[in-house]
Amino acid sequence: MADTAMNMEIGISTFLEATPDPVTGQVISHAERLRHAVEEIVLADQVGLDVYGIGEHHRADYAGTAPAVVLAAAAAMTKNIRLTSAVTVLSSDDPVRVYQAFSTLDGISNGRAEIMAGRGSFIESFPLFGYSLDDYDALFEEKLELLLAIRASEKVTWRGGHRPAIDNLGVYPRSVQSPLPVWIASGGNPESAVRAGTLGLPIAFAIIGGMPERFAPLVDLYKEAASRAGHNPDQLQIATHSHGFVGDTADQAADLFFPSTQAQMNVIGRERGWPPYTRAAFDAARSLRGALYVGDPEFVAEKIVLLRRNLGVTRFFLHINVGTMPHREVLHAIELLGTKVAPIVRKELARQ
């Protein structure tokens, strides 16, 4: 883990986008996108990035229905990079199987697996697996309780309202790490911050709009809840996840990243009633205090250092890419993040 007194972890997150190319109109197959992801993880490890996360979704424009499987495919070809979900939709999954999948990944990677658990901002998994959205909050609370019980003890006795009871049964394989890291993912819900702090779990905030500094009250809420529960807030990890892209120049990065971002944001926007995504909104968000981390290595590094100063984060996920982009460009951005951006950030933090 990162030395939180000085350093921070920098990595990649993705939803394994399989959307139409905004230029050619071609749609990448799920199979090809999955193979691309493995290549990305291997490269991220080679260039010294700390973590790679895959989000779980169950819709045609994303290929990441089984993050642990994709991460395991790359685990045997990597040495140092940590491998996490980003997120696991725990509410509609079985905590026993979640633990088993990620403890298996932990074994294959020799102790590099993590679970990032969330309720999910996309709801397709609920009807798919037979759950009611009326139980949205209750499902997450109950299943998180069970997941933490499983990671704490080989034999589990547990009873809840949405899953059959478990009576002194073993859950295997056990993880290499003890305990297997479990993060709470939040889109900015105060209750999530309080829950994570109370449980003493690390938290990851998705910051995809507005100014990242506005999340400072949530960080304070998280730390206050941790302190009240007897945890040392200085020992807890805080991550953020934001869209972005690194290019050789700022203009190149913006021009490459905007078309696919606009296309996918408009798809989601039509589903959720958002206004059309414009170049003006994009350019405003990639300013120094905006939520888009798009630019040349020096500028992206400057934004990450500012994020660290404002929120005290110990891990930063750059979400590449929001929609389909040429694979070679994505690989180049990952290379720049590892070889250019991360060293600048670490050098700057070492001076502070």
Protein backbone atom coordinates (compact mmCIF):
# COMPACT_ATOMS: atom_id res chain seq x y z
CA MET A 1 0.00 0.00 0.00
CA ALA A 2 1.01 3.60 -0.42
CA ASP A 3 2.93 5.47 2.24
CA THR A 4 0.03 7.78 3.04
CA ALA A 5 2.26 10.24 4.87
CA MET A 6 4.06 11.12 1.64
CA ASN A 7 3.09 9.09 -1.38
CA MET A 8 -0.08 8.02 -3.11
CA GLU A 9 -1.19 5.30 -5.46
CA ILE A 10 -2.06 6.12 -9.06
CA GLY A 11 -3.92 3.79 -11.35
CA ILE A 12 -6.55 3.14 -14.00
CA SER A 13 -10.25 2.38 -13.82
CA THR A 14 -12.50 1.27 -16.65
CA PHE A 15 -15.99 -0.05 -17.33
CA LEU A 16 -14.72 -1.97 -20.38
CA GLU A 17 -16.62 0.26 -22.79
CA ALA A 18 -17.81 -1.42 -25.98
CA THR A 19 -19.60 1.49 -27.57
CA PRO A 20 -19.72 2.57 -31.22
CA ASP A 21 -16.60 4.41 -32.32
CA PRO A 22 -17.73 8.06 -32.64
CA VAL A 23 -15.67 8.50 -35.81
CA THR A 24 -16.12 5.23 -37.71
CA GLY A 25 -19.35 3.97 -36.16
CA GLN A 26 -17.81 0.54 -35.72
CA VAL A 27 -18.63 -1.37 -32.52
CA ILE A 28 -15.88 -3.28 -30.80
CA SER A 29 -16.88 -6.80 -29.77
CA HIS A 30 -17.02 -7.68 -26.10
CA ALA A 31 -14.38 -10.34 -26.69
CA GLU A 32 -11.93 -7.87 -28.21
CA ARG A 33 -12.53 -5.32 -25.45
CA LEU A 34 -11.80 -7.99 -22.83
CA ARG A 35 -8.51 -8.87 -24.52
CA HIS A 36 -7.62 -5.19 -24.74
CA ALA A 37 -8.20 -4.87 -20.99
CA VAL A 38 -5.68 -7.60 -20.27
CA GLU A 39 -3.13 -5.78 -22.43
CA GLU A 40 -3.83 -2.56 -20.54
CA ILE A 41 -3.30 -4.20 -17.16
CA VAL A 42 -0.01 -5.74 -18.26
CA LEU A 43 1.22 -2.40 -19.58
CA ALA A 44 0.06 -0.56 -16.46
CA ASP A 45 2.12 -2.97 -14.38
CA GLN A 46 5.16 -2.54 -16.62
CA VAL A 47 5.10 1.27 -16.40
CA GLY A 48 4.82 1.25 -12.62
CA LEU A 49 1.18 2.09 -11.98
CA ASP A 50 -0.21 0.90 -8.67
CA VAL A 51 -3.73 -0.33 -9.33
CA TYR A 52 -6.18 -1.26 -12.09
CA GLY A 53 -9.93 -1.43 -11.46
CA ILE A 54 -12.80 -2.79 -13.53
CA GLY A 55 -16.40 -1.77 -12.93
CA GLU A 56 -19.26 -4.28 -13.07
CA HIS A 57 -22.08 -3.50 -15.51
CA HIS A 58 -24.75 -5.60 -17.20
CA ARG A 59 -25.61 -3.80 -20.43
CA ALA A 60 -24.63 -4.03 -24.08
CA ASP A 61 -22.30 -1.02 -24.11
CA TYR A 62 -19.99 -2.42 -21.41
CA ALA A 63 -18.13 -5.75 -21.35
CA GLY A 64 -17.34 -5.86 -17.63
CA THR A 65 -19.92 -8.24 -16.19
CA ALA A 66 -17.27 -10.35 -14.42
CA PRO A 67 -14.36 -8.14 -13.31
CA ALA A 68 -12.64 -10.85 -11.26
CA VAL A 69 -12.30 -13.08 -14.32
CA VAL A 70 -10.64 -10.36 -16.40
CA LEU A 71 -8.35 -9.38 -13.54
CA ALA A 72 -7.38 -13.01 -13.00
CA ALA A 73 -6.45 -13.33 -16.67
CA ALA A 74 -3.92 -10.54 -16.14
CA ALA A 75 -2.82 -11.59 -12.67
CA ALA A 76 -0.52 -14.33 -13.91
CA MET A 77 1.16 -11.91 -16.33
CA THR A 78 1.78 -9.11 -13.82
CA LYS A 79 3.96 -8.72 -10.75
CA ASN A 80 3.11 -5.66 -8.69
CA ILE A 81 -0.09 -3.95 -9.74
CA ARG A 82 -3.09 -4.28 -7.44
CA LEU A 83 -6.27 -5.63 -9.03
CA THR A 84 -9.70 -4.44 -7.93
CA SER A 85 -13.31 -4.20 -8.90
CA ALA A 86 -14.52 -0.65 -9.47
CA VAL A 87 -17.20 -1.49 -8.43
CA THR A 88 -18.75 -4.82 -7.48
CA VAL A 89 -22.52 -4.29 -7.35
CA LEU A 90 -22.81 -6.11 -4.05
CA SER A 91 -26.55 -5.48 -3.66
CA SER A 92 -27.41 -7.85 -6.52
CA ASP A 93 -24.65 -10.40 -5.98
CA ASP A 94 -24.02 -13.18 -3.47
CA PRO A 95 -21.35 -12.20 -0.93
CA VAL A 96 -20.17 -15.80 -0.71
CA ARG A 97 -19.43 -15.91 -4.43
CA VAL A 98 -17.95 -12.40 -4.38
CA TYR A 99 -15.52 -13.41 -1.66
CA GLN A 100 -14.67 -16.68 -3.42
CA ALA A 101 -14.02 -14.95 -6.74
CA PHE A 102 -11.72 -12.34 -5.23
CA SER A 103 -9.96 -14.69 -2.82
CA THR A 104 -9.24 -16.86 -5.88
CA LEU A 105 -7.88 -13.77 -7.64
CA ASP A 106 -5.87 -13.03 -4.51
CA GLY A 107 -4.29 -16.46 -4.70
CA ILE A 108 -3.45 -16.22 -8.39
CA SER A 109 -1.94 -12.75 -7.92
CA ASN A 110 -0.23 -13.66 -4.64
CA GLY A 111 -2.00 -11.06 -2.56
CA ARG A 112 -2.91 -8.23 -4.94
CA ALA A 113 -6.71 -8.48 -5.07
CA GLU A 114 -9.21 -5.99 -3.68
CA ILE A 115 -12.99 -5.59 -3.66
CA MET A 116 -14.62 -2.20 -4.13
CA ALA A 117 -18.22 -2.67 -3.04
CA GLY A 118 -21.03 -0.35 -4.05
CA ARG A 119 -24.76 -0.18 -4.60
CA GLY A 120 -24.30 0.68 -8.26
CA SER A 121 -25.41 3.76 -10.18
CA PHE A 122 -26.69 1.52 -12.99
CA ILE A 123 -29.61 -0.71 -12.06
CA GLU A 124 -29.63 -3.38 -14.81
CA SER A 125 -28.31 -6.07 -12.45
CA PHE A 126 -31.33 -5.90 -10.13
CA PRO A 127 -33.99 -7.31 -12.48
CA LEU A 128 -31.38 -9.56 -14.09
CA PHE A 129 -30.72 -11.36 -10.81
CA GLY A 130 -34.25 -11.10 -9.45
CA TYR A 131 -33.94 -8.27 -6.93
CA SER A 132 -36.33 -5.40 -6.30
CA LEU A 133 -35.16 -1.81 -6.39
CA ASP A 134 -37.48 -1.28 -3.41
CA ASP A 135 -34.81 -3.09 -1.39
CA TYR A 136 -31.92 -1.04 -2.85
CA ASP A 137 -30.49 0.16 0.47
CA ALA A 138 -31.41 -2.85 2.61
CA LEU A 139 -29.77 -5.27 0.20
CA PHE A 140 -26.46 -3.44 0.30
CA GLU A 141 -26.36 -3.12 4.08
CA GLU A 142 -27.16 -6.78 4.62
CA LYS A 143 -24.80 -8.13 2.01
CA LEU A 144 -21.94 -5.93 3.14
CA GLU A 145 -22.43 -7.28 6.65
CA LEU A 146 -22.20 -10.84 5.31
CA LEU A 147 -19.15 -10.11 3.13
CA LEU A 148 -17.26 -8.67 6.10
CA ALA A 149 -18.25 -11.68 8.23
CA ILE A 150 -16.91 -14.03 5.57
CA ARG A 151 -13.56 -12.26 5.28
CA ALA A 152 -13.23 -12.22 9.09
CA SER A 153 -13.80 -15.92 9.71
CA GLU A 154 -13.34 -19.19 7.82
CA LYS A 155 -16.55 -20.58 9.35
CA VAL A 156 -19.60 -18.34 9.09
CA THR A 157 -22.88 -18.26 10.94
CA TRP A 158 -25.20 -15.56 9.65
CA ARG A 159 -28.88 -14.77 9.15
CA GLY A 160 -30.53 -11.98 7.19
CA GLY A 161 -33.72 -11.10 5.37
CA HIS A 162 -32.74 -11.31 1.69
CA ARG A 163 -30.53 -14.40 1.53
CA PRO A 164 -30.74 -17.92 3.02
CA ALA A 165 -29.05 -18.25 6.39
CA ILE A 166 -25.59 -19.79 6.83
CA ASP A 167 -24.99 -22.07 9.81
CA ASN A 168 -21.32 -22.62 10.68
CA LEU A 169 -20.21 -23.28 7.11
CA GLY A 170 -16.74 -22.68 5.65
CA VAL A 171 -16.07 -20.35 2.72
CA TYR A 172 -13.05 -21.19 0.55
CA PRO A 173 -10.46 -20.50 -0.69
CA ARG A 174 -9.22 -18.13 1.98
CA SER A 175 -7.44 -15.05 0.77
CA VAL A 176 -3.66 -14.58 0.87
CA GLN A 177 -4.17 -11.15 2.41
CA SER A 178 -5.65 -11.09 5.87
CA PRO A 179 -8.01 -9.43 5.66
CA LEU A 180 -8.84 -9.19 1.96
CA PRO A 181 -9.18 -5.42 1.30
CA VAL A 182 -12.77 -4.24 0.95
CA TRP A 183 -13.43 -0.63 -0.07
CA ILE A 184 -16.73 1.23 -0.03
CA ALA A 185 -17.52 3.10 -3.25
CA SER A 186 -19.60 6.28 -3.12
CA GLY A 187 -20.89 8.74 -5.66
CA GLY A 188 -21.16 11.39 -2.97
CA ASN A 189 -23.81 9.98 -0.61
CA PRO A 190 -23.19 11.18 2.98
CA GLU A 191 -24.60 7.92 4.37
CA SER A 192 -21.96 5.97 2.43
CA ALA A 193 -19.21 8.13 3.90
CA VAL A 194 -20.53 7.59 7.43
CA ARG A 195 -20.93 3.84 6.85
CA ALA A 196 -17.37 3.44 5.58
CA GLY A 197 -15.92 5.52 8.40
CA THR A 198 -17.88 3.68 11.07
CA LEU A 199 -16.70 0.32 9.73
CA GLY A 200 -13.12 1.56 9.37
CA LEU A 201 -13.10 0.70 5.66
CA PRO A 202 -11.30 2.65 2.92
CA ILE A 203 -13.56 4.73 0.69
CA ALA A 204 -13.52 5.63 -3.01
CA PHE A 205 -15.41 8.69 -4.24
CA ALA A 206 -16.53 8.93 -7.87
CA ILE A 207 -15.96 12.56 -8.87
CA ILE A 208 -17.20 13.04 -12.42
CA GLY A 209 -18.61 16.55 -12.26
CA GLY A 210 -18.28 19.86 -10.48
CA MET A 211 -15.16 20.74 -8.52
CA PRO A 212 -13.39 17.92 -6.65
CA GLU A 213 -12.75 20.23 -3.70
CA ARG A 214 -16.49 20.17 -2.98
CA PHE A 215 -16.05 16.62 -1.71
CA ALA A 216 -14.05 17.92 1.27
CA PRO A 217 -17.11 17.91 3.60
CA LEU A 218 -17.70 14.25 2.75
CA VAL A 219 -14.08 13.45 3.57
CA ASP A 220 -14.53 15.24 6.90
CA LEU A 221 -17.74 13.31 7.55
CA TYR A 222 -15.94 10.05 6.79
CA LYS A 223 -13.07 10.83 9.15
CA GLU A 224 -15.39 12.03 11.92
CA ALA A 225 -17.41 8.81 11.71
CA ALA A 226 -14.20 6.78 11.85
CA SER A 227 -13.00 8.64 14.93
CA ARG A 228 -16.32 8.16 16.73
CA ALA A 229 -16.11 4.44 16.02
CA GLY A 230 -12.59 4.20 17.46
CA HIS A 231 -10.64 4.07 14.20
CA ASN A 232 -7.61 6.21 13.48
CA PRO A 233 -8.64 8.36 10.48
CA ASP A 234 -5.00 9.00 9.62
CA GLN A 235 -4.61 5.30 8.84
CA LEU A 236 -7.59 5.09 6.49
CA GLN A 237 -7.30 5.28 2.73
CA ILE A 238 -9.29 7.63 0.50
CA ALA A 239 -9.49 7.19 -3.27
CA THR A 240 -11.10 9.17 -6.04
CA HIS A 241 -12.16 8.08 -9.51
CA SER A 242 -12.42 10.65 -12.29
CA HIS A 243 -12.62 10.64 -16.07
CA GLY A 244 -9.52 11.72 -17.93
CA PHE A 245 -6.88 11.18 -20.54
CA VAL A 246 -3.17 11.97 -20.93
CA GLY A 247 -1.71 13.05 -24.25
CA ASP A 248 1.61 14.39 -25.46
CA THR A 249 0.04 17.85 -25.56
CA ALA A 250 -3.03 19.33 -23.88
CA ASP A 251 -4.81 19.98 -27.19
CA GLN A 252 -4.10 16.49 -28.45
CA ALA A 253 -5.46 14.93 -25.26
CA ALA A 254 -8.63 17.01 -25.40
CA ASP A 255 -9.29 16.41 -29.09
CA LEU A 256 -8.77 12.66 -28.72
CA PHE A 257 -10.86 12.28 -25.58
CA PHE A 258 -13.84 14.53 -26.33
CA PRO A 259 -15.67 12.67 -29.16
CA SER A 260 -16.02 9.36 -27.32
CA THR A 261 -16.77 11.09 -24.03
CA GLN A 262 -19.48 13.20 -25.59
CA ALA A 263 -21.05 10.20 -27.32
CA GLN A 264 -21.26 8.08 -24.18
CA MET A 265 -22.27 10.92 -21.86
CA ASN A 266 -25.12 11.71 -24.22
CA VAL A 267 -26.26 8.07 -24.19
CA ILE A 268 -26.35 8.08 -20.40
CA GLY A 269 -27.75 11.60 -20.37
CA ARG A 270 -30.75 10.59 -22.46
CA GLU A 271 -31.45 7.80 -19.98
CA ARG A 272 -31.20 10.10 -16.96
CA GLY A 273 -32.56 13.37 -18.29
CA TRP A 274 -29.27 15.27 -18.51
CA PRO A 275 -28.79 18.05 -21.07
CA PRO A 276 -26.61 17.33 -24.14
CA TYR A 277 -22.89 17.23 -23.37
CA THR A 278 -21.10 20.07 -25.12
CA ARG A 279 -17.50 20.93 -25.91
CA ALA A 280 -17.86 24.03 -23.74
CA ALA A 281 -18.84 21.92 -20.73
CA PHE A 282 -15.96 19.56 -21.48
CA ASP A 283 -13.42 22.37 -21.70
CA ALA A 284 -14.67 23.93 -18.46
CA ALA A 285 -14.35 20.58 -16.66
CA ARG A 286 -10.74 20.13 -17.76
CA SER A 287 -9.67 23.38 -16.15
CA LEU A 288 -7.40 23.16 -13.10
CA ARG A 289 -10.27 22.97 -10.61
CA GLY A 290 -12.58 20.87 -12.77
CA ALA A 291 -13.36 17.15 -12.53
CA LEU A 292 -11.84 16.08 -15.88
CA TYR A 293 -8.16 15.11 -15.74
CA VAL A 294 -7.40 15.74 -19.41
CA GLY A 295 -4.14 17.23 -20.61
CA ASP A 296 -0.43 16.78 -20.98
CA PRO A 297 1.49 14.93 -18.25
CA GLU A 298 2.54 18.06 -16.38
CA PHE A 299 -1.00 19.44 -16.20
CA VAL A 300 -2.60 16.15 -15.14
CA ALA A 301 0.08 15.76 -12.47
CA GLU A 302 -0.63 19.30 -11.24
CA LYS A 303 -4.32 18.46 -10.91
CA ILE A 304 -3.59 15.27 -8.97
CA VAL A 305 -1.32 17.15 -6.56
CA LEU A 306 -4.09 19.73 -6.06
CA LEU A 307 -6.54 16.92 -5.39
CA ARG A 308 -4.19 15.51 -2.77
CA ARG A 309 -3.88 18.93 -1.14
CA ASN A 310 -7.65 19.54 -1.07
CA LEU A 311 -8.94 16.07 -0.12
CA GLY A 312 -5.96 14.19 1.29
CA VAL A 313 -6.47 11.30 -1.12
CA THR A 314 -4.13 8.30 -0.97
CA ARG A 315 -5.20 6.78 -4.30
CA PHE A 316 -6.24 8.25 -7.64
CA PHE A 317 -8.03 6.36 -10.43
CA LEU A 318 -7.94 7.87 -13.92
CA HIS A 319 -10.93 6.49 -15.80
CA ILE A 320 -9.73 5.81 -19.34
CA ASN A 321 -11.87 5.75 -21.45
CA VAL A 322 -15.47 6.94 -21.17
CA GLY A 323 -16.43 5.66 -24.64
CA THR A 324 -14.62 3.67 -27.29
CA MET A 325 -11.24 5.08 -28.33
CA PRO A 326 -8.47 3.60 -30.48
CA HIS A 327 -6.65 0.99 -28.43
CA ARG A 328 -3.22 2.38 -29.30
CA GLU A 329 -4.21 5.79 -27.92
CA VAL A 330 -5.44 4.26 -24.68
CA LEU A 331 -2.19 2.33 -24.28
CA HIS A 332 -0.19 5.50 -24.91
CA ALA A 333 -2.18 7.36 -22.25
CA ILE A 334 -1.50 4.57 -19.76
CA GLU A 335 2.19 4.71 -20.61
CA LEU A 336 2.27 8.48 -20.07
CA LEU A 337 0.41 8.15 -16.77
CA GLY A 338 2.95 5.66 -15.48
CA THR A 339 6.17 7.07 -16.89
CA LYS A 340 5.47 10.82 -16.80
CA VAL A 341 2.55 11.75 -14.56
CA ALA A 342 3.17 9.45 -11.59
CA PRO A 343 6.87 10.38 -11.19
CA ILE A 344 5.99 14.10 -11.21
CA VAL A 345 3.31 13.59 -8.55
CA ARG A 346 5.58 11.49 -6.34
CA LYS A 347 8.44 13.95 -6.62
CA GLU A 348 6.17 16.85 -5.73
CA LEU A 349 4.65 15.05 -2.74
CA ALA A 350 8.12 14.11 -1.50
CA ARG A 351 8.92 17.81 -1.23
CA GLN A 352 5.87 18.60 0.86
